Amino acid sequence: VKGRGIKVLSIDGGGTRGVVPLQVLKLLEAQTGKKVHQLFDY
């Protein structure tokens, strides 16, 4: 794994409401300086 332990990202279904988790991920990338695929193992 990339960090101290396993890092998992899970995203629900919801059609065009997929813009909702996108807002959370934008904040994560901005705060950590890493892309989503770099942050998680799964």
Full PDB file with SEQRES, HELIX, SHEET, SSBOND, CRYST1, ORIGX, SCALE, CONECT and MASTER records, all heavy atoms in Angstrom:
SEQRES   1 A   42  VAL LYS GLY ARG GLY ILE LYS VAL LEU SER ILE ASP GLY          
SEQRES   2 A   42  GLY GLY THR ARG GLY VAL VAL PRO LEU GLN VAL LEU LYS          
SEQRES   3 A   42  LEU LEU GLU ALA GLN THR GLY LYS LYS VAL HIS GLN LEU          
SEQRES   4 A   42  PHE ASP TYR                                                  
HELIX    1 AA1 GLY A   15  GLY A   18  5                                   4    
HELIX    2 AA2 VAL A   19  THR A   32  1                                  14    
HELIX    3 AA3 VAL A   36  LEU A   39  1                                   4    
CRYST1    1.000    1.000    1.000  90.00  90.00  90.00 P 1           1          
ORIGX1      1.000000  0.000000  0.000000        0.00000                         
ORIGX2      0.000000  1.000000  0.000000        0.00000                         
ORIGX3      0.000000  0.000000  1.000000        0.00000                         
SCALE1      1.000000  0.000000  0.000000        0.00000                         
SCALE2      0.000000  1.000000  0.000000        0.00000                         
SCALE3      0.000000  0.000000  1.000000        0.00000                         
ATOM      1  N   VAL A   1       0.833  -1.203   0.000  1.00  0.00           N  
ATOM      2  CA  VAL A   1       0.000   0.000   0.000  1.00  0.00           C  
ATOM      3  C   VAL A   1       0.868   1.253   0.000  1.00  0.00           C  
ATOM      4  O   VAL A   1       2.063   1.204   0.281  1.00  0.00           O  
ATOM      5  CB  VAL A   1      -0.955   0.011   1.216  1.00  0.00           C  
ATOM      6  CG1 VAL A   1      -1.945  -1.135   1.131  1.00  0.00           C  
ATOM      7  CG2 VAL A   1      -0.183  -0.066   2.524  1.00  0.00           C  
ATOM      8  N   LYS A   2       0.234   2.395  -0.320  1.00  0.00           N  
ATOM      9  CA  LYS A   2       0.985   3.641  -0.506  1.00  0.00           C  
ATOM     10  C   LYS A   2       1.347   4.332   0.805  1.00  0.00           C  
ATOM     11  O   LYS A   2       2.332   5.052   0.884  1.00  0.00           O  
ATOM     12  CB  LYS A   2       0.164   4.598  -1.376  1.00  0.00           C  
ATOM     13  CG  LYS A   2      -0.151   4.042  -2.752  1.00  0.00           C  
ATOM     14  CD  LYS A   2      -1.138   4.921  -3.499  1.00  0.00           C  
ATOM     15  CE  LYS A   2      -1.481   4.325  -4.849  1.00  0.00           C  
ATOM     16  NZ  LYS A   2      -2.512   5.095  -5.579  1.00  0.00           N  
ATOM     17  N   GLY A   3       0.510   4.153   1.834  1.00  0.00           N  
ATOM     18  CA  GLY A   3       0.733   4.861   3.089  1.00  0.00           C  
ATOM     19  C   GLY A   3       0.963   3.914   4.248  1.00  0.00           C  
ATOM     20  O   GLY A   3       1.493   2.814   4.086  1.00  0.00           O  
ATOM     21  N   ARG A   4       0.530   4.338   5.447  1.00  0.00           N  
ATOM     22  CA  ARG A   4       0.698   3.499   6.646  1.00  0.00           C  
ATOM     23  C   ARG A   4      -0.192   2.267   6.590  1.00  0.00           C  
ATOM     24  O   ARG A   4       0.107   1.241   7.180  1.00  0.00           O  
ATOM     25  CB  ARG A   4       0.349   4.311   7.895  1.00  0.00           C  
ATOM     26  CG  ARG A   4       1.359   5.387   8.249  1.00  0.00           C  
ATOM     27  CD  ARG A   4       1.037   6.002   9.601  1.00  0.00           C  
ATOM     28  NE  ARG A   4      -0.192   6.785   9.563  1.00  0.00           N  
ATOM     29  CZ  ARG A   4      -1.367   6.401  10.050  1.00  0.00           C  
ATOM     30  NH1 ARG A   4      -1.486   5.217  10.609  1.00  0.00           N  
ATOM     31  NH2 ARG A   4      -2.426   7.197   9.986  1.00  0.00           N  
ATOM     32  N   GLY A   5      -1.327   2.391   5.907  1.00  0.00           N  
ATOM     33  CA  GLY A   5      -2.278   1.288   5.809  1.00  0.00           C  
ATOM     34  C   GLY A   5      -3.084   1.420   4.527  1.00  0.00           C  
ATOM     35  O   GLY A   5      -2.768   2.224   3.651  1.00  0.00           O  
ATOM     36  N   ILE A   6      -4.158   0.635   4.429  1.00  0.00           N  
ATOM     37  CA  ILE A   6      -4.992   0.622   3.221  1.00  0.00           C  
ATOM     38  C   ILE A   6      -5.868   1.871   3.189  1.00  0.00           C  
ATOM     39  O   ILE A   6      -6.541   2.192   4.173  1.00  0.00           O  
ATOM     40  CB  ILE A   6      -5.886  -0.631   3.198  1.00  0.00           C  
ATOM     41  CG1 ILE A   6      -5.055  -1.896   3.438  1.00  0.00           C  
ATOM     42  CG2 ILE A   6      -6.645  -0.722   1.877  1.00  0.00           C  
ATOM     43  CD1 ILE A   6      -5.881  -3.129   3.728  1.00  0.00           C  
ATOM     44  N   LYS A   7      -5.881   2.536   2.039  1.00  0.00           N  
ATOM     45  CA  LYS A   7      -6.728   3.719   1.862  1.00  0.00           C  
ATOM     46  C   LYS A   7      -7.769   3.428   0.786  1.00  0.00           C  
ATOM     47  O   LYS A   7      -7.421   3.144  -0.365  1.00  0.00           O  
ATOM     48  CB  LYS A   7      -5.881   4.941   1.505  1.00  0.00           C  
ATOM     49  CG  LYS A   7      -4.959   5.378   2.647  1.00  0.00           C  
ATOM     50  CD  LYS A   7      -4.225   6.668   2.344  1.00  0.00           C  
ATOM     51  CE  LYS A   7      -3.098   6.455   1.386  1.00  0.00           C  
ATOM     52  NZ  LYS A   7      -2.249   7.670   1.229  1.00  0.00           N  
ATOM     53  N   VAL A   8      -9.037   3.500   1.181  1.00  0.00           N  
ATOM     54  CA  VAL A   8     -10.157   3.077   0.333  1.00  0.00           C  
ATOM     55  C   VAL A   8     -11.063   4.261   0.032  1.00  0.00           C  
ATOM     56  O   VAL A   8     -11.373   5.063   0.916  1.00  0.00           O  
ATOM     57  CB  VAL A   8     -10.981   1.966   1.022  1.00  0.00           C  
ATOM     58  CG1 VAL A   8     -12.208   1.589   0.183  1.00  0.00           C  
ATOM     59  CG2 VAL A   8     -10.116   0.741   1.286  1.00  0.00           C  
ATOM     60  N   LEU A   9     -11.509   4.354  -1.217  1.00  0.00           N  
ATOM     61  CA  LEU A   9     -12.518   5.330  -1.623  1.00  0.00           C  
ATOM     62  C   LEU A   9     -13.690   4.579  -2.229  1.00  0.00           C  
ATOM     63  O   LEU A   9     -13.522   3.774  -3.145  1.00  0.00           O  
ATOM     64  CB  LEU A   9     -11.943   6.313  -2.656  1.00  0.00           C  
ATOM     65  CG  LEU A   9     -12.956   7.252  -3.347  1.00  0.00           C  
ATOM     66  CD1 LEU A   9     -13.635   8.164  -2.340  1.00  0.00           C  
ATOM     67  CD2 LEU A   9     -12.269   8.067  -4.447  1.00  0.00           C  
ATOM     68  N   SER A  10     -14.896   4.855  -1.715  1.00  0.00           N  
ATOM     69  CA  SER A  10     -16.119   4.236  -2.232  1.00  0.00           C  
ATOM     70  C   SER A  10     -17.085   5.342  -2.641  1.00  0.00           C  
ATOM     71  O   SER A  10     -17.297   6.305  -1.904  1.00  0.00           O  
ATOM     72  CB  SER A  10     -16.748   3.345  -1.153  1.00  0.00           C  
ATOM     73  OG  SER A  10     -18.056   2.955  -1.530  1.00  0.00           O  
ATOM     74  N   ILE A  11     -17.704   5.205  -3.838  1.00  0.00           N  
ATOM     75  CA  ILE A  11     -18.607   6.244  -4.349  1.00  0.00           C  
ATOM     76  C   ILE A  11     -19.955   5.621  -4.697  1.00  0.00           C  
ATOM     77  O   ILE A  11     -20.035   4.683  -5.496  1.00  0.00           O  
ATOM     78  CB  ILE A  11     -18.017   6.949  -5.590  1.00  0.00           C  
ATOM     79  CG1 ILE A  11     -16.572   7.400  -5.321  1.00  0.00           C  
ATOM     80  CG2 ILE A  11     -18.878   8.147  -5.973  1.00  0.00           C  
ATOM     81  CD1 ILE A  11     -15.884   8.001  -6.537  1.00  0.00           C  
ATOM     82  N   ASP A  12     -21.021   6.167  -4.100  1.00  0.00           N  
ATOM     83  CA  ASP A  12     -22.382   5.680  -4.323  1.00  0.00           C  
ATOM     84  C   ASP A  12     -22.860   5.933  -5.745  1.00  0.00           C  
ATOM     85  O   ASP A  12     -22.287   6.718  -6.496  1.00  0.00           O  
ATOM     86  CB  ASP A  12     -23.367   6.396  -3.388  1.00  0.00           C  
ATOM     87  CG  ASP A  12     -23.183   6.031  -1.929  1.00  0.00           C  
ATOM     88  OD1 ASP A  12     -22.246   5.274  -1.609  1.00  0.00           O  
ATOM     89  OD2 ASP A  12     -23.985   6.513  -1.108  1.00  0.00           O  
ATOM     90  N   GLY A  13     -23.997   5.289  -6.087  1.00  0.00           N  
ATOM     91  CA  GLY A  13     -24.702   5.586  -7.323  1.00  0.00           C  
ATOM     92  C   GLY A  13     -25.596   6.805  -7.140  1.00  0.00           C  
ATOM     93  O   GLY A  13     -25.845   7.244  -6.019  1.00  0.00           O  
ATOM     94  N   GLY A  14     -26.100   7.351  -8.261  1.00  0.00           N  
ATOM     95  CA  GLY A  14     -26.978   8.511  -8.140  1.00  0.00           C  
ATOM     96  C   GLY A  14     -27.122   9.330  -9.401  1.00  0.00           C  
ATOM     97  O   GLY A  14     -27.517  10.491  -9.341  1.00  0.00           O  
ATOM     98  N   GLY A  15     -26.810   8.784 -10.568  1.00  0.00           N  
ATOM     99  CA  GLY A  15     -26.999   9.509 -11.819  1.00  0.00           C  
ATOM    100  C   GLY A  15     -26.204  10.800 -11.879  1.00  0.00           C  
ATOM    101  O   GLY A  15     -25.040  10.849 -11.484  1.00  0.00           O  
ATOM    102  N   THR A  16     -26.849  11.880 -12.355  1.00  0.00           N  
ATOM    103  CA  THR A  16     -26.134  13.154 -12.491  1.00  0.00           C  
ATOM    104  C   THR A  16     -25.816  13.783 -11.142  1.00  0.00           C  
ATOM    105  O   THR A  16     -25.097  14.789 -11.084  1.00  0.00           O  
ATOM    106  CB  THR A  16     -26.956  14.146 -13.336  1.00  0.00           C  
ATOM    107  OG1 THR A  16     -28.293  14.226 -12.844  1.00  0.00           O  
ATOM    108  CG2 THR A  16     -26.990  13.713 -14.796  1.00  0.00           C  
ATOM    109  N   ARG A  17     -26.309  13.186 -10.053  1.00  0.00           N  
ATOM    110  CA  ARG A  17     -25.909  13.664  -8.725  1.00  0.00           C  
ATOM    111  C   ARG A  17     -24.455  13.311  -8.428  1.00  0.00           C  
ATOM    112  O   ARG A  17     -23.939  13.624  -7.356  1.00  0.00           O  
ATOM    113  CB  ARG A  17     -26.829  13.076  -7.637  1.00  0.00           C  
ATOM    114  CG  ARG A  17     -28.281  13.516  -7.736  1.00  0.00           C  
ATOM    115  CD  ARG A  17     -28.989  13.410  -6.396  1.00  0.00           C  
ATOM    116  NE  ARG A  17     -28.810  12.132  -5.762  1.00  0.00           N  
ATOM    117  CZ  ARG A  17     -29.637  11.085  -5.880  1.00  0.00           C  
ATOM    118  NH1 ARG A  17     -30.728  11.193  -6.641  1.00  0.00           N  
ATOM    119  NH2 ARG A  17     -29.401   9.962  -5.260  1.00  0.00           N  
ATOM    120  N   GLY A  18     -23.774  12.688  -9.398  1.00  0.00           N  
ATOM    121  CA  GLY A  18     -22.346  12.426  -9.257  1.00  0.00           C  
ATOM    122  C   GLY A  18     -21.528  13.697  -9.092  1.00  0.00           C  
ATOM    123  O   GLY A  18     -20.372  13.635  -8.674  1.00  0.00           O  
ATOM    124  N   VAL A  19     -22.132  14.870  -9.398  1.00  0.00           N  
ATOM    125  CA  VAL A  19     -21.403  16.132  -9.178  1.00  0.00           C  
ATOM    126  C   VAL A  19     -21.188  16.385  -7.683  1.00  0.00           C  
ATOM    127  O   VAL A  19     -20.287  17.152  -7.310  1.00  0.00           O  
ATOM    128  CB  VAL A  19     -22.155  17.333  -9.798  1.00  0.00           C  
ATOM    129  CG1 VAL A  19     -22.247  17.173 -11.306  1.00  0.00           C  
ATOM    130  CG2 VAL A  19     -23.537  17.514  -9.192  1.00  0.00           C  
ATOM    131  N   VAL A  20     -21.972  15.716  -6.825  1.00  0.00           N  
ATOM    132  CA  VAL A  20     -21.840  15.915  -5.372  1.00  0.00           C  
ATOM    133  C   VAL A  20     -20.502  15.367  -4.868  1.00  0.00           C  
ATOM    134  O   VAL A  20     -19.711  16.107  -4.260  1.00  0.00           O  
ATOM    135  CB  VAL A  20     -23.033  15.292  -4.619  1.00  0.00           C  
ATOM    136  CG1 VAL A  20     -22.789  15.303  -3.113  1.00  0.00           C  
ATOM    137  CG2 VAL A  20     -24.321  16.050  -4.953  1.00  0.00           C  
ATOM    138  N   PRO A  21     -20.180  14.076  -5.080  1.00  0.00           N  
ATOM    139  CA  PRO A  21     -18.857  13.599  -4.619  1.00  0.00           C  
ATOM    140  C   PRO A  21     -17.696  14.312  -5.303  1.00  0.00           C  
ATOM    141  O   PRO A  21     -16.606  14.414  -4.724  1.00  0.00           O  
ATOM    142  CB  PRO A  21     -18.869  12.097  -4.953  1.00  0.00           C  
ATOM    143  CG  PRO A  21     -19.978  11.901  -5.911  1.00  0.00           C  
ATOM    144  CD  PRO A  21     -20.987  12.957  -5.605  1.00  0.00           C  
ATOM    145  N   LEU A  22     -17.919  14.815  -6.502  1.00  0.00           N  
ATOM    146  CA  LEU A  22     -16.853  15.549  -7.183  1.00  0.00           C  
ATOM    147  C   LEU A  22     -16.418  16.773  -6.377  1.00  0.00           C  
ATOM    148  O   LEU A  22     -15.237  17.112  -6.338  1.00  0.00           O  
ATOM    149  CB  LEU A  22     -17.320  15.993  -8.571  1.00  0.00           C  
ATOM    150  CG  LEU A  22     -17.154  14.980  -9.711  1.00  0.00           C  
ATOM    151  CD1 LEU A  22     -17.772  15.518 -10.995  1.00  0.00           C  
ATOM    152  CD2 LEU A  22     -15.683  14.630  -9.928  1.00  0.00           C  
ATOM    153  N   GLN A  23     -17.382  17.428  -5.697  1.00  0.00           N  
ATOM    154  CA  GLN A  23     -17.039  18.615  -4.904  1.00  0.00           C  
ATOM    155  C   GLN A  23     -16.139  18.243  -3.722  1.00  0.00           C  
ATOM    156  O   GLN A  23     -15.208  18.968  -3.371  1.00  0.00           O  
ATOM    157  CB  GLN A  23     -18.320  19.289  -4.380  1.00  0.00           C  
ATOM    158  CG  GLN A  23     -19.320  19.667  -5.453  1.00  0.00           C  
ATOM    159  CD  GLN A  23     -18.709  20.501  -6.557  1.00  0.00           C  
ATOM    160  OE1 GLN A  23     -18.095  21.542  -6.291  1.00  0.00           O  
ATOM    161  NE2 GLN A  23     -18.855  20.058  -7.788  1.00  0.00           N  
ATOM    162  N   VAL A  24     -16.424  17.096  -3.112  1.00  0.00           N  
ATOM    163  CA  VAL A  24     -15.592  16.629  -1.988  1.00  0.00           C  
ATOM    164  C   VAL A  24     -14.181  16.317  -2.482  1.00  0.00           C  
ATOM    165  O   VAL A  24     -13.181  16.693  -1.859  1.00  0.00           O  
ATOM    166  CB  VAL A  24     -16.214  15.378  -1.325  1.00  0.00           C  
ATOM    167  CG1 VAL A  24     -15.398  14.965  -0.101  1.00  0.00           C  
ATOM    168  CG2 VAL A  24     -17.664  15.621  -0.942  1.00  0.00           C  
ATOM    169  N   LEU A  25     -14.101  15.628  -3.613  1.00  0.00           N  
ATOM    170  CA  LEU A  25     -12.794  15.240  -4.147  1.00  0.00           C  
ATOM    171  C   LEU A  25     -11.967  16.450  -4.566  1.00  0.00           C  
ATOM    172  O   LEU A  25     -10.739  16.443  -4.453  1.00  0.00           O  
ATOM    173  CB  LEU A  25     -12.985  14.270  -5.322  1.00  0.00           C  
ATOM    174  CG  LEU A  25     -13.611  12.919  -4.946  1.00  0.00           C  
ATOM    175  CD1 LEU A  25     -13.907  12.090  -6.195  1.00  0.00           C  
ATOM    176  CD2 LEU A  25     -12.696  12.143  -4.005  1.00  0.00           C  
ATOM    177  N   LYS A  26     -12.629  17.498  -5.045  1.00  0.00           N  
ATOM    178  CA  LYS A  26     -11.907  18.733  -5.396  1.00  0.00           C  
ATOM    179  C   LYS A  26     -11.223  19.323  -4.165  1.00  0.00           C  
ATOM    180  O   LYS A  26     -10.063  19.758  -4.230  1.00  0.00           O  
ATOM    181  CB  LYS A  26     -12.880  19.753  -5.990  1.00  0.00           C  
ATOM    182  CG  LYS A  26     -13.256  19.496  -7.436  1.00  0.00           C  
ATOM    183  CD  LYS A  26     -14.220  20.559  -7.948  1.00  0.00           C  
ATOM    184  CE  LYS A  26     -14.633  20.262  -9.389  1.00  0.00           C  
ATOM    185  NZ  LYS A  26     -15.628  21.238  -9.890  1.00  0.00           N  
ATOM    186  N   LEU A  27     -11.933  19.323  -3.043  1.00  0.00           N  
ATOM    187  CA  LEU A  27     -11.340  19.840  -1.812  1.00  0.00           C  
ATOM    188  C   LEU A  27     -10.167  18.981  -1.358  1.00  0.00           C  
ATOM    189  O   LEU A  27      -9.143  19.494  -0.906  1.00  0.00           O  
ATOM    190  CB  LEU A  27     -12.391  19.907  -0.705  1.00  0.00           C  
ATOM    191  CG  LEU A  27     -13.270  21.163  -0.688  1.00  0.00           C  
ATOM    192  CD1 LEU A  27     -14.305  21.057   0.430  1.00  0.00           C  
ATOM    193  CD2 LEU A  27     -12.421  22.412  -0.481  1.00  0.00           C  
ATOM    194  N   LEU A  28     -10.316  17.654  -1.473  1.00  0.00           N  
ATOM    195  CA  LEU A  28      -9.242  16.753  -1.068  1.00  0.00           C  
ATOM    196  C   LEU A  28      -7.986  16.980  -1.905  1.00  0.00           C  
ATOM    197  O   LEU A  28      -6.873  17.030  -1.374  1.00  0.00           O  
ATOM    198  CB  LEU A  28      -9.680  15.295  -1.201  1.00  0.00           C  
ATOM    199  CG  LEU A  28     -10.675  14.769  -0.174  1.00  0.00           C  
ATOM    200  CD1 LEU A  28     -10.885  13.274  -0.369  1.00  0.00           C  
ATOM    201  CD2 LEU A  28     -10.195  15.046   1.242  1.00  0.00           C  
ATOM    202  N   GLU A  29      -8.156  17.106  -3.214  1.00  0.00           N  
ATOM    203  CA  GLU A  29      -6.989  17.341  -4.073  1.00  0.00           C  
ATOM    204  C   GLU A  29      -6.334  18.680  -3.738  1.00  0.00           C  
ATOM    205  O   GLU A  29      -5.101  18.785  -3.709  1.00  0.00           O  
ATOM    206  CB  GLU A  29      -7.409  17.308  -5.544  1.00  0.00           C  
ATOM    207  CG  GLU A  29      -7.659  15.908  -6.073  1.00  0.00           C  
ATOM    208  CD  GLU A  29      -7.670  15.833  -7.590  1.00  0.00           C  
ATOM    209  OE1 GLU A  29      -7.618  16.897  -8.248  1.00  0.00           O  
ATOM    210  OE2 GLU A  29      -7.736  14.709  -8.123  1.00  0.00           O  
ATOM    211  N   ALA A  30      -7.166  19.697  -3.489  1.00  0.00           N  
ATOM    212  CA  ALA A  30      -6.621  21.022  -3.179  1.00  0.00           C  
ATOM    213  C   ALA A  30      -5.852  21.016  -1.861  1.00  0.00           C  
ATOM    214  O   ALA A  30      -4.788  21.640  -1.740  1.00  0.00           O  
ATOM    215  CB  ALA A  30      -7.746  22.050  -3.133  1.00  0.00           C  
ATOM    216  N   GLN A  31      -6.368  20.292  -0.862  1.00  0.00           N  
ATOM    217  CA  GLN A  31      -5.755  20.287   0.470  1.00  0.00           C  
ATOM    218  C   GLN A  31      -4.513  19.399   0.543  1.00  0.00           C  
ATOM    219  O   GLN A  31      -3.573  19.703   1.264  1.00  0.00           O  
ATOM    220  CB  GLN A  31      -6.779  19.819   1.515  1.00  0.00           C  
ATOM    221  CG  GLN A  31      -7.935  20.783   1.732  1.00  0.00           C  
ATOM    222  CD  GLN A  31      -7.468  22.117   2.304  1.00  0.00           C  
ATOM    223  OE1 GLN A  31      -6.621  22.158   3.182  1.00  0.00           O  
ATOM    224  NE2 GLN A  31      -8.020  23.205   1.787  1.00  0.00           N  
ATOM    225  N   THR A  32      -4.522  18.295  -0.192  1.00  0.00           N  
ATOM    226  CA  THR A  32      -3.402  17.343  -0.090  1.00  0.00           C  
ATOM    227  C   THR A  32      -2.345  17.568  -1.167  1.00  0.00           C  
ATOM    228  O   THR A  32      -1.211  17.099  -1.028  1.00  0.00           O  
ATOM    229  CB  THR A  32      -3.907  15.890  -0.207  1.00  0.00           C  
ATOM    230  OG1 THR A  32      -4.521  15.706  -1.498  1.00  0.00           O  
ATOM    231  CG2 THR A  32      -4.918  15.580   0.888  1.00  0.00           C  
ATOM    232  N   GLY A  33      -2.715  18.252  -2.262  1.00  0.00           N  
ATOM    233  CA  GLY A  33      -1.764  18.444  -3.356  1.00  0.00           C  
ATOM    234  C   GLY A  33      -1.554  17.195  -4.185  1.00  0.00           C  
ATOM    235  O   GLY A  33      -0.618  17.126  -4.987  1.00  0.00           O  
ATOM    236  N   LYS A  34      -2.415  16.199  -4.028  1.00  0.00           N  
ATOM    237  CA  LYS A  34      -2.304  14.955  -4.788  1.00  0.00           C  
ATOM    238  C   LYS A  34      -3.589  14.685  -5.552  1.00  0.00           C  
ATOM    239  O   LYS A  34      -4.669  15.100  -5.146  1.00  0.00           O  
ATOM    240  CB  LYS A  34      -2.024  13.769  -3.843  1.00  0.00           C  
ATOM    241  CG  LYS A  34      -0.658  13.810  -3.185  1.00  0.00           C  
ATOM    242  CD  LYS A  34      -0.448  12.562  -2.347  1.00  0.00           C  
ATOM    243  CE  LYS A  34       0.946  12.550  -1.722  1.00  0.00           C  
ATOM    244  NZ  LYS A  34       1.160  11.334  -0.897  1.00  0.00           N  
ATOM    245  N   LYS A  35      -3.460  13.944  -6.668  1.00  0.00           N  
ATOM    246  CA  LYS A  35      -4.613  13.530  -7.445  1.00  0.00           C  
ATOM    247  C   LYS A  35      -5.304  12.353  -6.755  1.00  0.00           C  
ATOM    248  O   LYS A  35      -4.696  11.654  -5.938  1.00  0.00           O  
ATOM    249  CB  LYS A  35      -4.191  13.123  -8.860  1.00  0.00           C  
ATOM    250  CG  LYS A  35      -3.544  14.250  -9.659  1.00  0.00           C  
ATOM    251  CD  LYS A  35      -4.539  15.355  -9.944  1.00  0.00           C  
ATOM    252  CE  LYS A  35      -3.940  16.435 -10.819  1.00  0.00           C  
ATOM    253  NZ  LYS A  35      -4.893  17.557 -11.042  1.00  0.00           N  
ATOM    254  N   VAL A  36      -6.558  12.136  -7.126  1.00  0.00           N  
ATOM    255  CA  VAL A  36      -7.343  11.076  -6.491  1.00  0.00           C  
ATOM    256  C   VAL A  36      -6.657   9.723  -6.625  1.00  0.00           C  
ATOM    257  O   VAL A  36      -6.583   8.948  -5.659  1.00  0.00           O  
ATOM    258  CB  VAL A  36      -8.771  11.024  -7.100  1.00  0.00           C  
ATOM    259  CG1 VAL A  36      -9.522   9.794  -6.610  1.00  0.00           C  
ATOM    260  CG2 VAL A  36      -9.554  12.290  -6.752  1.00  0.00           C  
ATOM    261  N   HIS A  37      -6.135   9.411  -7.814  1.00  0.00           N  
ATOM    262  CA  HIS A  37      -5.517   8.093  -8.010  1.00  0.00           C  
ATOM    263  C   HIS A  37      -4.229   7.938  -7.216  1.00  0.00           C  
ATOM    264  O   HIS A  37      -3.761   6.817  -6.993  1.00  0.00           O  
ATOM    265  CB  HIS A  37      -5.265   7.824  -9.498  1.00  0.00           C  
ATOM    266  CG  HIS A  37      -4.203   8.682 -10.108  1.00  0.00           C  
ATOM    267  ND1 HIS A  37      -4.466   9.906 -10.688  1.00  0.00           N  
ATOM    268  CD2 HIS A  37      -2.858   8.502 -10.241  1.00  0.00           C  
ATOM    269  CE1 HIS A  37      -3.356  10.428 -11.144  1.00  0.00           C  
ATOM    270  NE2 HIS A  37      -2.355   9.613 -10.882  1.00  0.00           N  
ATOM    271  N   GLN A  38      -3.647   9.060  -6.768  1.00  0.00           N  
ATOM    272  CA  GLN A  38      -2.443   8.995  -5.947  1.00  0.00           C  
ATOM    273  C   GLN A  38      -2.768   8.846  -4.462  1.00  0.00           C  
ATOM    274  O   GLN A  38      -1.929   8.394  -3.677  1.00  0.00           O  
ATOM    275  CB  GLN A  38      -1.605  10.254  -6.150  1.00  0.00           C  
ATOM    276  CG  GLN A  38      -1.094  10.440  -7.568  1.00  0.00           C  
ATOM    277  CD  GLN A  38      -0.462  11.803  -7.786  1.00  0.00           C  
ATOM    278  OE1 GLN A  38      -0.959  12.808  -7.284  1.00  0.00           O  
ATOM    279  NE2 GLN A  38       0.641  11.848  -8.514  1.00  0.00           N  
ATOM    280  N   LEU A  39      -3.978   9.213  -4.076  1.00  0.00           N  
ATOM    281  CA  LEU A  39      -4.363   9.223  -2.663  1.00  0.00           C  
ATOM    282  C   LEU A  39      -4.811   7.860  -2.153  1.00  0.00           C  
ATOM    283  O   LEU A  39      -4.644   7.552  -0.975  1.00  0.00           O  
ATOM    284  CB  LEU A  39      -5.492  10.233  -2.435  1.00  0.00           C  
ATOM    285  CG  LEU A  39      -5.114  11.714  -2.417  1.00  0.00           C  
ATOM    286  CD1 LEU A  39      -6.366  12.578  -2.430  1.00  0.00           C  
ATOM    287  CD2 LEU A  39      -4.258  12.022  -1.201  1.00  0.00           C  
ATOM    288  N   PHE A  40      -5.399   7.030  -3.049  1.00  0.00           N  
ATOM    289  CA  PHE A  40      -6.059   5.815  -2.581  1.00  0.00           C  
ATOM    290  C   PHE A  40      -5.435   4.558  -3.177  1.00  0.00           C  
ATOM    291  O   PHE A  40      -4.924   4.566  -4.297  1.00  0.00           O  
ATOM    292  CB  PHE A  40      -7.552   5.864  -2.927  1.00  0.00           C  
ATOM    293  CG  PHE A  40      -8.290   6.988  -2.232  1.00  0.00           C  
ATOM    294  CD1 PHE A  40      -8.488   8.196  -2.880  1.00  0.00           C  
ATOM    295  CD2 PHE A  40      -8.744   6.836  -0.930  1.00  0.00           C  
ATOM    296  CE1 PHE A  40      -9.142   9.240  -2.246  1.00  0.00           C  
ATOM    297  CE2 PHE A  40      -9.400   7.876  -0.290  1.00  0.00           C  
ATOM    298  CZ  PHE A  40      -9.595   9.074  -0.943  1.00  0.00           C  
ATOM    299  N   ASP A  41      -5.508   3.477  -2.392  1.00  0.00           N  
ATOM    300  CA  ASP A  41      -5.043   2.169  -2.863  1.00  0.00           C  
ATOM    301  C   ASP A  41      -6.155   1.423  -3.590  1.00  0.00           C  
ATOM    302  O   ASP A  41      -5.888   0.624  -4.485  1.00  0.00           O  
ATOM    303  CB  ASP A  41      -4.584   1.306  -1.676  1.00  0.00           C  
ATOM    304  CG  ASP A  41      -3.456   1.953  -0.903  1.00  0.00           C  
ATOM    305  OD1 ASP A  41      -2.360   2.089  -1.477  1.00  0.00           O  
ATOM    306  OD2 ASP A  41      -3.679   2.353   0.259  1.00  0.00           O  
ATOM    307  N   TYR A  42      -7.401   1.682  -3.184  1.00  0.00           N  
ATOM    308  CA  TYR A  42      -8.538   0.950  -3.754  1.00  0.00           C  
ATOM    309  C   TYR A  42      -9.703   1.924  -3.944  1.00  0.00           C  
ATOM    310  O   TYR A  42     -10.074   2.649  -3.012  1.00  0.00           O  
ATOM    311  CB  TYR A  42      -8.969  -0.190  -2.820  1.00  0.00           C  
ATOM    312  CG  TYR A  42      -9.975  -1.139  -3.420  1.00  0.00           C  
ATOM    313  CD1 TYR A  42      -9.573  -2.331  -4.005  1.00  0.00           C  
ATOM    314  CD2 TYR A  42     -11.337  -0.841  -3.431  1.00  0.00           C  
ATOM    315  CE1 TYR A  42     -10.487  -3.206  -4.569  1.00  0.00           C  
ATOM    316  CE2 TYR A  42     -12.257  -1.708  -3.998  1.00  0.00           C  
ATOM    317  CZ  TYR A  42     -11.831  -2.891  -4.569  1.00  0.00           C  
ATOM    318  OH  TYR A  42     -12.743  -3.750  -5.142  1.00  0.00           O  
TER     319      TYR A  42                                                      
MASTER        0    0    0    3    0    0    0    6  318    1    0    4          
END                                                                             
